[in-house]
C-alpha atoms as a PDB file:
ATOM      1  CA  MET A   1     117.674  95.200 106.260  1.00  0.00           C
ATOM      2  CA  HIS A   2     113.772  94.837 108.000  1.00  0.00           C
ATOM      3  CA  GLU A   3     115.133  93.900 110.903  1.00  0.00           C
ATOM      4  CA  ILE A   4     117.951  97.122 111.207  1.00  0.00           C
ATOM      5  CA  LEU A   5     115.004  99.367 110.679  1.00  0.00           C
ATOM      6  CA  ASP A   6     112.605  97.775 112.863  1.00  0.00           C
ATOM      7  CA  ILE A   7     115.616  98.044 115.785  1.00  0.00           C
ATOM      8  CA  LYS A   8     115.722 101.751 114.481  1.00  0.00           C
ATOM      9  CA  GLY A   9     112.313 102.531 114.953  1.00  0.00           C
ATOM     10  CA  LYS A  10     112.428 101.264 118.540  1.00  0.00           C
ATOM     11  CA  MET A  11     115.279 103.703 119.626  1.00  0.00           C
ATOM     12  CA  ILE A  12     114.578 107.001 121.373  1.00  0.00           C
ATOM     13  CA  ASP A  13     116.233 110.407 119.800  1.00  0.00           C
ATOM     14  CA  PRO A  14     119.782 110.635 121.647  1.00  0.00           C
ATOM     15  CA  LYS A  15     119.173 113.718 123.279  1.00  0.00           C
ATOM     16  CA  ILE A  16     115.608 112.566 124.917  1.00  0.00           C
ATOM     17  CA  PHE A  17     118.116 109.972 126.060  1.00  0.00           C
ATOM     18  CA  GLU A  18     121.116 112.175 127.433  1.00  0.00           C
ATOM     19  CA  LYS A  19     118.142 113.718 129.621  1.00  0.00           C
ATOM     20  CA  GLU A  20     117.136 110.444 131.062  1.00  0.00           C
ATOM     21  CA  VAL A  21     120.900 110.388 132.296  1.00  0.00           C
ATOM     22  CA  GLU A  22     121.286 113.785 133.983  1.00  0.00           C
ATOM     23  CA  LYS A  23     121.052 112.664 137.797  1.00  0.00           C
ATOM     24  CA  MET A  24     123.883 109.843 137.242  1.00  0.00           C
ATOM     25  CA  PRO A  25     127.462 110.420 138.443  1.00  0.00           C
ATOM     26  CA  GLU A  26     129.513 112.469 136.173  1.00  0.00           C
ATOM     27  CA  ILE A  27     131.582 109.911 134.773  1.00  0.00           C
ATOM     28  CA  LEU A  28     128.435 107.069 134.353  1.00  0.00           C
ATOM     29  CA  ARG A  29     127.067 109.544 132.430  1.00  0.00           C
ATOM     30  CA  LYS A  30     129.626 110.100 130.083  1.00  0.00           C
ATOM     31  CA  VAL A  31     129.749 106.576 129.375  1.00  0.00           C
ATOM     32  CA  VAL A  32     126.458 106.159 129.039  1.00  0.00           C
ATOM     33  CA  VAL A  33     126.138 108.195 126.177  1.00  0.00           C
ATOM     34  CA  LEU A  34     128.916 107.179 124.468  1.00  0.00           C
ATOM     35  CA  MET A  35     127.891 104.335 124.038  1.00  0.00           C
ATOM     36  CA  SER A  36     124.903 105.158 123.277  1.00  0.00           C
ATOM     37  CA  ARG A  37     126.071 108.092 120.563  1.00  0.00           C
ATOM     38  CA  ARG A  38     127.883 104.504 119.419  1.00  0.00           C
ATOM     39  CA  PHE A  39     125.138 102.477 119.013  1.00  0.00           C
ATOM     40  CA  HIS A  40     123.440 105.468 116.673  1.00  0.00           C
ATOM     41  CA  PHE A  41     126.236 105.143 114.683  1.00  0.00           C
ATOM     42  CA  ALA A  42     126.731 101.434 114.321  1.00  0.00           C
ATOM     43  CA  MET A  43     123.176 101.877 113.230  1.00  0.00           C
ATOM     44  CA  GLU A  44     123.621 103.787 110.304  1.00  0.00           C
ATOM     45  CA  GLY A  45     126.242 102.530 109.216  1.00  0.00           C
ATOM     46  CA  SER A  46     124.543  99.176 109.109  1.00  0.00           C
ATOM     47  CA  ILE A  47     121.983 100.175 107.455  1.00  0.00           C
ATOM     48  CA  LYS A  48     123.653 101.916 105.111  1.00  0.00           C
ATOM     49  CA  MET A  49     125.932  98.619 104.449  1.00  0.00           C
ATOM     50  CA  VAL A  50     122.490  96.688 103.491  1.00  0.00           C
ATOM     51  CA  ALA A  51     121.679  99.125 101.250  1.00  0.00           C
ATOM     52  CA  HIS A  52     124.772  98.691  99.751  1.00  0.00           C
ATOM     53  CA  LEU A  53     124.955  95.511  99.696  1.00  0.00           C
ATOM     54  CA  GLU A  54     121.136  94.767  98.159  1.00  0.00           C
ATOM     55  CA  GLU A  55     122.427  96.770  95.191  1.00  0.00           C
ATOM     56  CA  ALA A  56     125.512  94.192  94.498  1.00  0.00           C
ATOM     57  CA  THR A  57     122.711  91.454  95.130  1.00  0.00           C
ATOM     58  CA  ARG A  58     120.619  93.131  92.403  1.00  0.00           C
ATOM     59  CA  ALA A  59     123.746  94.009  90.029  1.00  0.00           C
ATOM     60  CA  ILE A  60     124.676  90.045  90.455  1.00  0.00           C
ATOM     61  CA  ASP A  61     121.407  89.066  89.602  1.00  0.00           C
ATOM     62  CA  ALA A  62     121.283  90.954  86.636  1.00  0.00           C
ATOM     63  CA  LEU A  63     124.392  90.275  84.991  1.00  0.00           C
ATOM     64  CA  SER A  64     123.652  86.274  86.287  1.00  0.00           C
ATOM     65  CA  THR A  65     120.441  86.001  84.051  1.00  0.00           C
ATOM     66  CA  ASN A  66     122.201  87.946  81.281  1.00  0.00           C
ATOM     67  CA  LEU A  67     125.018  85.238  80.786  1.00  0.00           C
ATOM     68  CA  ILE A  68     122.030  82.945  81.065  1.00  0.00           C
ATOM     69  CA  GLN A  69     120.454  84.117  78.679  1.00  0.00           C
ATOM     70  CA  LYS A  70     123.143  84.800  76.791  1.00  0.00           C
ATOM     71  CA  SER A  71     124.360  80.742  77.100  1.00  0.00           C
ATOM     72  CA  CYS A  72     121.323  79.450  76.246  1.00  0.00           C
ATOM     73  CA  ALA A  73     120.548  81.043  73.221  1.00  0.00           C
ATOM     74  CA  LYS A  74     123.896  79.324  71.691  1.00  0.00           C
END
């Protein structure tokens, strides 16, 4: 999760990036802008996925701890 957040922290705002590529030929500019947007959406999706995985891991850890405690109590 930290690696993904580090990458996100280093990213520039897509609107600033789009202004930087204004001087490119139109077709190239469209490709670059779409790639940038896709990358940003992928980063957001990755952050959400990692958060869900961390939640699932905590739930599994709690369940396994509970099962171990019950088996030791018998």
